Amino acid sequence: MSQKSNDFLYEYLNNASPTGFEMSGQKIWLDYLKPYLDEKIIDIYGTAVAVINPGKPYSVVIEAHADEISWFVNYIDENGYLFLRRNGGSDALIAPSMRANIHTKDKVIKGVFGWPAIHVRDTTKDKAPTVSDIFIDCGASTKKEVEEMGIHVGTVVTFEDGLMELNEKYLVGRALDNRIGGYMIAQVAKRLKDNNIELPFTLYVVNAVQEEIGLRGAEMIVKRLKPDLAIITDVTHDTQSPMYNKKTQGDMACGKGPVICYGPAVQNNVRDFIIDIANENKIEFQRQAVSRSTGTDTDSFAYATEGVASALISLPLKYMHTTVEMIAKSDMESVIDLIYACLLKVKGNEDFRYFS
């Protein structure tokens, strides 16, 4: 990894991009991609697209989503405490004693998720905290003081936590789901430019918004781009740590390569095309089966228009939707290698239909 890429990784991952408020992260992402794109598209809700080799009759998307789970301020009591509601799949169980960033219009206010001390609780009656139990203390004593700080109902809140390396093998932090995907597709674009690759098709490198609340950004942008082929990357669960059930949740592990998904939204010929390329390039991979939907932007690319040949390459991740999400650096590099190798194989006239 070059110093420029490493700096981008840390700046991009440490920046907050809550669902619906992804703008600052999208600017960082597009600024990094500027040397590697020919054109850019920014849609009305903030999905960013780096366009390479525009104007070709055949087009391909590589895509990740940009947004992270977060919270909204929902109520401010007279003592200055903030009560919340979810923005995406935020986990109330992990919130107590976490530090918070409260994103006002012009600055970030620090806060903490408070919790009563063990000394004053009847621990025999302890239960998992719910959204209605958790609250934020921002150091204010009254509702008026909170409002004077610029905090109001609808202000968005993220956990405060930064990216770090663990044992020289792993990256750990919040929002690897799925800004690590944004990093990976950016590296694919960089590699194409560095190697002077001229593609026989138009490539859309898509960083979509609002995945965490229903795949909405992908649903919007696919209707605009109407690609012939879409390769989506997101994270999936490493199921090796305690409390996972491999019989129901599959057997995936960090460090054993990308995960290739089987499911109705995954076009079988595209999936097999990817598997063949992985085998040709000796890229170790794992397999996952899903029921009904992938739960990723793959579903929107597959179904939101007349149908786009779509497949999903996932990155194994531990501790999803926490502040210590963890991925293996070797898996990250393998996903980049696999997507890059796939693009080199696409001729720009593929017909992935099952029969004609």
Protein backbone atom coordinates (compact mmCIF):
# COMPACT_ATOMS: atom_id res chain seq x y z
CA MET A 1 0.00 0.00 0.00
CA SER A 2 1.40 3.37 -1.01
CA GLN A 3 1.56 6.21 1.48
CA LYS A 4 -1.13 8.06 -0.49
CA SER A 5 -3.44 5.06 -0.36
CA ASN A 6 -2.75 4.54 3.34
CA ASP A 7 -3.48 8.20 4.10
CA PHE A 8 -6.73 7.94 2.14
CA LEU A 9 -7.70 4.77 3.99
CA TYR A 10 -7.35 6.42 7.40
CA GLU A 11 -8.90 9.74 6.42
CA TYR A 12 -11.84 8.07 4.72
CA LEU A 13 -12.52 5.44 7.39
CA ASN A 14 -12.17 7.87 10.30
CA ASN A 15 -14.55 10.38 8.73
CA ALA A 16 -18.21 10.11 9.75
CA SER A 17 -20.70 9.40 6.95
CA PRO A 18 -24.04 8.57 8.58
CA THR A 19 -26.93 7.41 6.43
CA GLY A 20 -28.42 10.48 4.78
CA PHE A 21 -25.41 12.60 5.72
CA GLU A 22 -22.65 11.03 3.62
CA MET A 23 -21.47 14.24 1.94
CA SER A 24 -18.11 14.75 3.65
CA GLY A 25 -17.05 11.18 3.00
CA GLN A 26 -18.14 11.36 -0.64
CA LYS A 27 -15.96 14.44 -1.12
CA ILE A 28 -12.95 12.63 0.36
CA TRP A 29 -13.61 9.63 -1.89
CA LEU A 30 -13.99 11.66 -5.10
CA ASP A 31 -10.97 13.79 -4.30
CA TYR A 32 -8.83 10.65 -4.02
CA LEU A 33 -10.24 9.30 -7.28
CA LYS A 34 -9.75 12.52 -9.24
CA PRO A 35 -6.53 11.36 -11.01
CA TYR A 36 -8.13 8.08 -12.02
CA LEU A 37 -11.52 9.12 -13.46
CA ASP A 38 -12.64 10.74 -16.70
CA GLU A 39 -15.98 12.10 -15.49
CA LYS A 40 -18.00 12.08 -12.30
CA ILE A 41 -21.68 11.85 -11.45
CA ILE A 42 -23.18 13.03 -8.18
CA ASP A 43 -26.88 12.34 -7.80
CA ILE A 44 -29.40 14.37 -5.84
CA TYR A 45 -29.02 12.28 -2.66
CA GLY A 46 -25.23 12.07 -2.76
CA THR A 47 -24.32 8.82 -4.49
CA ALA A 48 -20.94 9.44 -6.15
CA VAL A 49 -19.83 7.79 -9.39
CA ALA A 50 -16.36 7.87 -10.92
CA VAL A 51 -16.75 7.29 -14.66
CA ILE A 52 -13.89 5.66 -16.57
CA ASN A 53 -13.92 5.44 -20.37
CA PRO A 54 -17.33 7.06 -20.87
CA GLY A 55 -19.54 6.68 -23.92
CA LYS A 56 -19.11 2.97 -24.66
CA PRO A 57 -22.19 0.92 -25.60
CA TYR A 58 -21.50 -1.66 -22.85
CA SER A 59 -21.17 -0.58 -19.23
CA VAL A 60 -20.06 -2.22 -15.99
CA VAL A 61 -20.57 -1.13 -12.38
CA ILE A 62 -18.35 -1.94 -9.42
CA GLU A 63 -20.08 -0.73 -6.29
CA ALA A 64 -19.91 -0.34 -2.52
CA HIS A 65 -22.06 1.65 -0.12
CA ALA A 66 -20.76 4.68 1.72
CA ASP A 67 -23.06 5.12 4.69
CA GLU A 68 -22.68 4.01 8.29
CA ILE A 69 -25.21 3.32 11.01
CA SER A 70 -25.88 6.16 13.41
CA TRP A 71 -28.49 7.75 15.66
CA PHE A 72 -30.90 10.68 15.57
CA VAL A 73 -31.62 12.91 18.55
CA ASN A 74 -35.32 12.23 19.15
CA TYR A 75 -36.02 14.00 22.45
CA ILE A 76 -34.21 16.41 24.79
CA ASP A 77 -35.35 16.42 28.41
CA GLU A 78 -35.36 19.39 30.76
CA ASN A 79 -32.08 18.24 32.37
CA GLY A 80 -30.23 18.30 29.05
CA TYR A 81 -30.12 14.57 28.34
CA LEU A 82 -30.53 13.42 24.74
CA PHE A 83 -32.69 10.44 23.84
CA LEU A 84 -32.35 8.76 20.50
CA ARG A 85 -33.79 6.73 17.69
CA ARG A 86 -31.91 4.56 15.21
CA ASN A 87 -30.66 5.66 11.81
CA GLY A 88 -30.04 2.23 10.32
CA GLY A 89 -29.27 -0.88 12.35
CA SER A 90 -27.58 0.74 15.34
CA ASP A 91 -27.10 -1.49 18.36
CA ALA A 92 -28.32 -0.16 21.71
CA LEU A 93 -26.63 -3.05 23.49
CA ILE A 94 -23.14 -1.67 22.83
CA ALA A 95 -23.95 1.99 23.47
CA PRO A 96 -23.61 2.44 27.27
CA SER A 97 -20.27 4.11 28.18
CA MET A 98 -19.37 4.78 24.53
CA ARG A 99 -18.18 8.23 23.43
CA ALA A 100 -20.31 10.07 20.89
CA ASN A 101 -19.93 12.71 18.21
CA ILE A 102 -22.98 14.92 17.84
CA HIS A 103 -22.98 16.44 14.36
CA THR A 104 -24.53 19.91 14.45
CA LYS A 105 -24.80 22.15 11.43
CA ASP A 106 -21.35 23.72 11.83
CA LYS A 107 -19.39 21.66 14.35
CA VAL A 108 -19.07 18.36 16.19
CA ILE A 109 -20.11 18.35 19.84
CA LYS A 110 -18.66 15.65 22.08
CA GLY A 111 -20.90 13.53 24.27
CA VAL A 112 -21.05 10.20 26.09
CA PHE A 113 -23.64 7.48 26.35
CA GLY A 114 -24.27 7.51 30.09
CA TRP A 115 -25.18 4.51 32.21
CA PRO A 116 -25.93 4.11 35.93
CA ALA A 117 -23.09 2.64 37.97
CA ILE A 118 -23.12 -1.02 38.95
CA HIS A 119 -23.29 0.08 42.60
CA VAL A 120 -26.79 1.53 42.23
CA ARG A 121 -28.30 -1.13 39.98
CA ASP A 122 -30.00 -4.32 41.08
CA THR A 123 -27.80 -6.50 38.89
CA THR A 124 -30.13 -9.48 39.39
CA LYS A 125 -32.63 -7.56 37.28
CA ASP A 126 -30.17 -6.35 34.62
CA LYS A 127 -31.37 -6.74 31.07
CA ALA A 128 -30.01 -5.83 27.68
CA PRO A 129 -30.46 -2.08 27.09
CA THR A 130 -32.94 -1.02 24.43
CA VAL A 131 -33.11 2.22 22.47
CA SER A 132 -35.53 3.64 25.03
CA ASP A 133 -32.97 3.01 27.81
CA ILE A 134 -29.93 4.73 26.34
CA PHE A 135 -29.17 8.45 26.50
CA ILE A 136 -26.39 10.92 25.78
CA ASP A 137 -24.85 13.39 28.20
CA CYS A 138 -23.23 16.30 26.35
CA GLY A 139 -22.26 18.21 29.48
CA ALA A 140 -25.34 20.41 29.50
CA SER A 141 -27.61 20.90 32.50
CA THR A 142 -30.76 22.15 30.75
CA LYS A 143 -32.63 21.75 27.50
CA LYS A 144 -31.95 25.40 26.72
CA GLU A 145 -28.20 24.87 27.10
CA VAL A 146 -28.37 21.91 24.70
CA GLU A 147 -30.22 24.00 22.13
CA GLU A 148 -27.70 26.83 22.48
CA MET A 149 -25.00 24.31 21.52
CA GLY A 150 -26.80 23.81 18.20
CA ILE A 151 -28.28 20.41 19.08
CA HIS A 152 -31.92 19.78 18.20
CA VAL A 153 -34.29 16.96 17.35
CA GLY A 154 -32.97 15.40 14.14
CA THR A 155 -29.30 16.04 14.90
CA VAL A 156 -27.32 12.97 13.90
CA VAL A 157 -24.98 11.14 16.30
CA THR A 158 -22.16 8.68 15.62
CA PHE A 159 -19.96 6.64 17.89
CA GLU A 160 -16.44 8.05 18.30
CA ASP A 161 -13.82 5.51 17.35
CA GLY A 162 -10.85 5.43 14.99
CA LEU A 163 -9.18 2.96 12.67
CA MET A 164 -6.30 0.89 14.02
CA GLU A 165 -4.27 -2.19 13.11
CA LEU A 166 -4.33 -5.34 15.20
CA ASN A 167 -1.42 -7.82 15.21
CA GLU A 168 -0.25 -6.42 11.85
CA LYS A 169 -2.92 -8.57 10.16
CA TYR A 170 -6.23 -6.85 10.82
CA LEU A 171 -7.88 -3.46 10.45
CA VAL A 172 -10.29 -2.55 13.24
CA GLY A 173 -12.72 0.33 13.59
CA ARG A 174 -16.26 1.56 13.13
CA ALA A 175 -17.89 1.79 9.70
CA LEU A 176 -15.73 -0.74 7.90
CA ASP A 177 -19.27 -1.73 6.88
CA ASN A 178 -18.92 -0.63 4.21
CA ARG A 179 -16.48 2.20 3.66
CA ILE A 180 -13.80 -0.44 3.35
CA GLY A 181 -15.71 -1.36 0.19
CA GLY A 182 -15.40 2.24 -1.01
CA TYR A 183 -11.67 2.00 -0.39
CA MET A 184 -11.38 -1.27 -2.31
CA ILE A 185 -13.20 -0.12 -5.43
CA ALA A 186 -11.13 3.09 -5.39
CA GLN A 187 -7.99 0.94 -5.37
CA VAL A 188 -9.28 -0.97 -8.39
CA ALA A 189 -9.70 2.31 -10.26
CA LYS A 190 -6.20 3.38 -9.22
CA ARG A 191 -4.71 0.10 -10.42
CA LEU A 192 -6.38 0.43 -13.82
CA LYS A 193 -4.83 3.88 -14.24
CA ASP A 194 -1.41 2.88 -12.88
CA ASN A 195 -1.26 -0.02 -15.36
CA ASN A 196 -2.53 2.07 -18.29
CA ILE A 197 -5.46 -0.28 -18.89
CA GLU A 198 -7.85 0.84 -21.63
CA LEU A 199 -11.16 -0.87 -21.05
CA PRO A 200 -13.47 -1.87 -23.93
CA PHE A 201 -16.48 -0.69 -21.92
CA THR A 202 -17.54 2.17 -19.68
CA LEU A 203 -16.78 1.55 -16.02
CA TYR A 204 -18.88 3.16 -13.31
CA VAL A 205 -17.20 3.07 -9.90
CA VAL A 206 -20.17 3.66 -7.63
CA ASN A 207 -20.16 4.73 -3.98
CA ALA A 208 -23.84 4.58 -3.05
CA VAL A 209 -25.64 6.23 -0.16
CA GLN A 210 -28.41 4.99 2.13
CA GLU A 211 -27.79 1.24 1.99
CA GLU A 212 -28.31 0.82 5.72
CA ILE A 213 -31.98 1.85 5.57
CA GLY A 214 -33.05 -0.23 2.57
CA LEU A 215 -30.53 -0.13 -0.31
CA ARG A 216 -31.99 3.19 -1.42
CA GLY A 217 -28.97 4.84 -3.02
CA ALA A 218 -28.31 1.83 -5.24
CA GLU A 219 -31.98 1.71 -6.21
CA MET A 220 -31.77 5.29 -7.44
CA ILE A 221 -28.44 5.12 -9.27
CA VAL A 222 -29.07 1.87 -11.15
CA LYS A 223 -32.10 3.47 -12.80
CA ARG A 224 -29.85 6.25 -14.02
CA LEU A 225 -26.86 4.19 -15.14
CA LYS A 226 -28.65 1.10 -16.50
CA PRO A 227 -25.44 -0.97 -16.65
CA ASP A 228 -25.08 -4.33 -18.35
CA LEU A 229 -23.14 -5.87 -15.49
CA ALA A 230 -22.75 -5.06 -11.80
CA ILE A 231 -20.21 -6.44 -9.34
CA ILE A 232 -21.08 -5.41 -5.81
CA THR A 233 -18.82 -5.61 -2.78
CA ASP A 234 -19.96 -5.46 0.84
CA VAL A 235 -19.07 -7.15 4.11
CA THR A 236 -20.40 -10.42 5.48
CA HIS A 237 -20.10 -12.13 8.85
CA ASP A 238 -17.01 -13.95 10.00
CA THR A 239 -18.68 -16.78 11.93
CA GLN A 240 -15.66 -18.15 13.80
CA SER A 241 -15.86 -16.15 17.01
CA PRO A 242 -18.04 -17.24 19.95
CA MET A 243 -21.85 -17.00 19.78
CA TYR A 244 -22.16 -17.74 16.05
CA ASN A 245 -23.94 -20.84 14.74
CA LYS A 246 -22.32 -22.11 11.55
CA LYS A 247 -25.27 -24.41 10.82
CA THR A 248 -27.57 -21.41 10.39
CA GLN A 249 -25.16 -18.57 9.61
CA GLY A 250 -22.58 -20.31 7.40
CA ASP A 251 -18.88 -20.95 7.80
CA MET A 252 -16.85 -17.88 6.78
CA ALA A 253 -13.57 -16.71 8.26
CA CYS A 254 -11.35 -13.66 8.10
CA GLY A 255 -8.08 -14.52 6.39
CA LYS A 256 -9.49 -17.15 4.02
CA GLY A 257 -10.31 -14.84 1.15
CA PRO A 258 -13.35 -13.14 -0.42
CA VAL A 259 -16.79 -14.70 -0.03
CA ILE A 260 -18.77 -15.40 -3.20
CA CYS A 261 -22.50 -15.42 -2.68
CA TYR A 262 -25.18 -17.82 -3.92
CA GLY A 263 -28.78 -16.61 -3.95
CA PRO A 264 -31.65 -15.60 -6.25
CA ALA A 265 -30.42 -12.02 -6.77
CA VAL A 266 -26.99 -13.29 -7.81
CA GLN A 267 -26.94 -14.05 -11.53
CA ASN A 268 -25.49 -17.55 -11.78
CA ASN A 269 -23.46 -17.02 -14.94
CA VAL A 270 -21.84 -13.89 -13.50
CA ARG A 271 -21.07 -15.71 -10.26
CA ASP A 272 -19.47 -18.58 -12.15
CA PHE A 273 -17.54 -16.09 -14.28
CA ILE A 274 -16.08 -14.64 -11.05
CA ILE A 275 -15.31 -18.07 -9.63
CA ASP A 276 -13.48 -19.10 -12.81
CA ILE A 277 -11.38 -15.93 -12.63
CA ALA A 278 -10.60 -16.53 -8.95
CA ASN A 279 -9.42 -20.04 -9.78
CA GLU A 280 -7.37 -18.86 -12.78
CA ASN A 281 -5.62 -16.28 -10.61
CA LYS A 282 -5.23 -18.61 -7.62
CA ILE A 283 -7.26 -16.28 -5.40
CA GLU A 284 -8.57 -18.27 -2.45
CA PHE A 285 -12.29 -17.70 -1.88
CA GLN A 286 -15.16 -18.88 0.29
CA ARG A 287 -18.84 -19.49 -0.48
CA GLN A 288 -22.04 -18.29 1.18
CA ALA A 289 -25.69 -19.10 0.57
CA VAL A 290 -28.45 -16.58 1.29
CA SER A 291 -32.21 -16.96 1.52
CA ARG A 292 -34.49 -14.73 -0.56
CA SER A 293 -32.18 -11.68 -0.66
CA THR A 294 -28.54 -10.83 -0.11
CA GLY A 295 -29.39 -7.87 2.11
CA THR A 296 -26.91 -5.80 0.10
CA ASP A 297 -27.05 -3.38 -2.82
CA THR A 298 -26.85 -6.44 -5.08
CA ASP A 299 -30.61 -6.75 -4.64
CA SER A 300 -31.26 -3.24 -5.93
CA PHE A 301 -28.97 -3.65 -8.93
CA ALA A 302 -30.60 -6.98 -9.76
CA TYR A 303 -34.22 -5.91 -9.40
CA ALA A 304 -34.72 -2.13 -9.49
CA THR A 305 -34.83 -1.87 -13.29
CA GLU A 306 -35.51 -4.44 -16.00
CA GLY A 307 -32.80 -6.61 -14.46
CA VAL A 308 -29.02 -6.18 -14.35
CA ALA A 309 -26.68 -9.18 -14.32
CA SER A 310 -25.32 -8.80 -10.78
CA ALA A 311 -23.07 -10.66 -8.38
CA LEU A 312 -21.72 -10.11 -4.89
CA ILE A 313 -18.15 -10.41 -3.63
CA SER A 314 -18.12 -10.05 0.14
CA LEU A 315 -15.37 -9.29 2.62
CA PRO A 316 -15.47 -11.34 5.85
CA LEU A 317 -15.88 -9.07 8.87
CA LYS A 318 -16.01 -9.67 12.60
CA TYR A 319 -18.35 -7.83 14.99
CA MET A 320 -20.60 -6.10 12.44
CA HIS A 321 -22.36 -2.90 13.54
CA THR A 322 -20.01 -2.35 16.45
CA THR A 323 -17.11 0.07 16.87
CA VAL A 324 -14.61 -2.77 16.56
CA GLU A 325 -15.50 -4.16 13.16
CA MET A 326 -12.51 -6.19 12.00
CA ILE A 327 -11.25 -7.36 8.60
CA ALA A 328 -8.10 -9.16 7.50
CA LYS A 329 -5.83 -7.02 5.34
CA SER A 330 -5.07 -10.06 3.18
CA ASP A 331 -8.78 -10.46 2.39
CA MET A 332 -9.03 -6.80 1.46
CA GLU A 333 -6.16 -7.15 -1.00
CA SER A 334 -7.71 -10.32 -2.43
CA VAL A 335 -11.04 -8.57 -3.08
CA ILE A 336 -9.18 -5.80 -4.91
CA ASP A 337 -7.24 -8.40 -6.92
CA LEU A 338 -10.41 -10.31 -7.81
CA ILE A 339 -12.46 -7.32 -8.96
CA TYR A 340 -9.51 -6.03 -10.98
CA ALA A 341 -9.02 -9.44 -12.62
CA CYS A 342 -12.73 -9.61 -13.46
CA LEU A 343 -12.62 -6.24 -15.21
CA LEU A 344 -9.66 -7.33 -17.30
CA LYS A 345 -11.69 -10.35 -18.49
CA VAL A 346 -14.82 -8.45 -19.52
CA LYS A 347 -14.81 -7.95 -23.29
CA GLY A 348 -17.76 -5.59 -23.41
CA ASN A 349 -20.13 -7.82 -25.35
CA GLU A 350 -21.09 -10.43 -22.73
CA ASP A 351 -24.60 -11.83 -22.72
CA PHE A 352 -25.13 -13.46 -19.35
CA ARG A 353 -28.68 -14.67 -20.05
CA TYR A 354 -29.33 -18.30 -19.16
CA PHE A 355 -30.62 -19.01 -22.67
CA SER A 356 -31.61 -17.09 -25.78
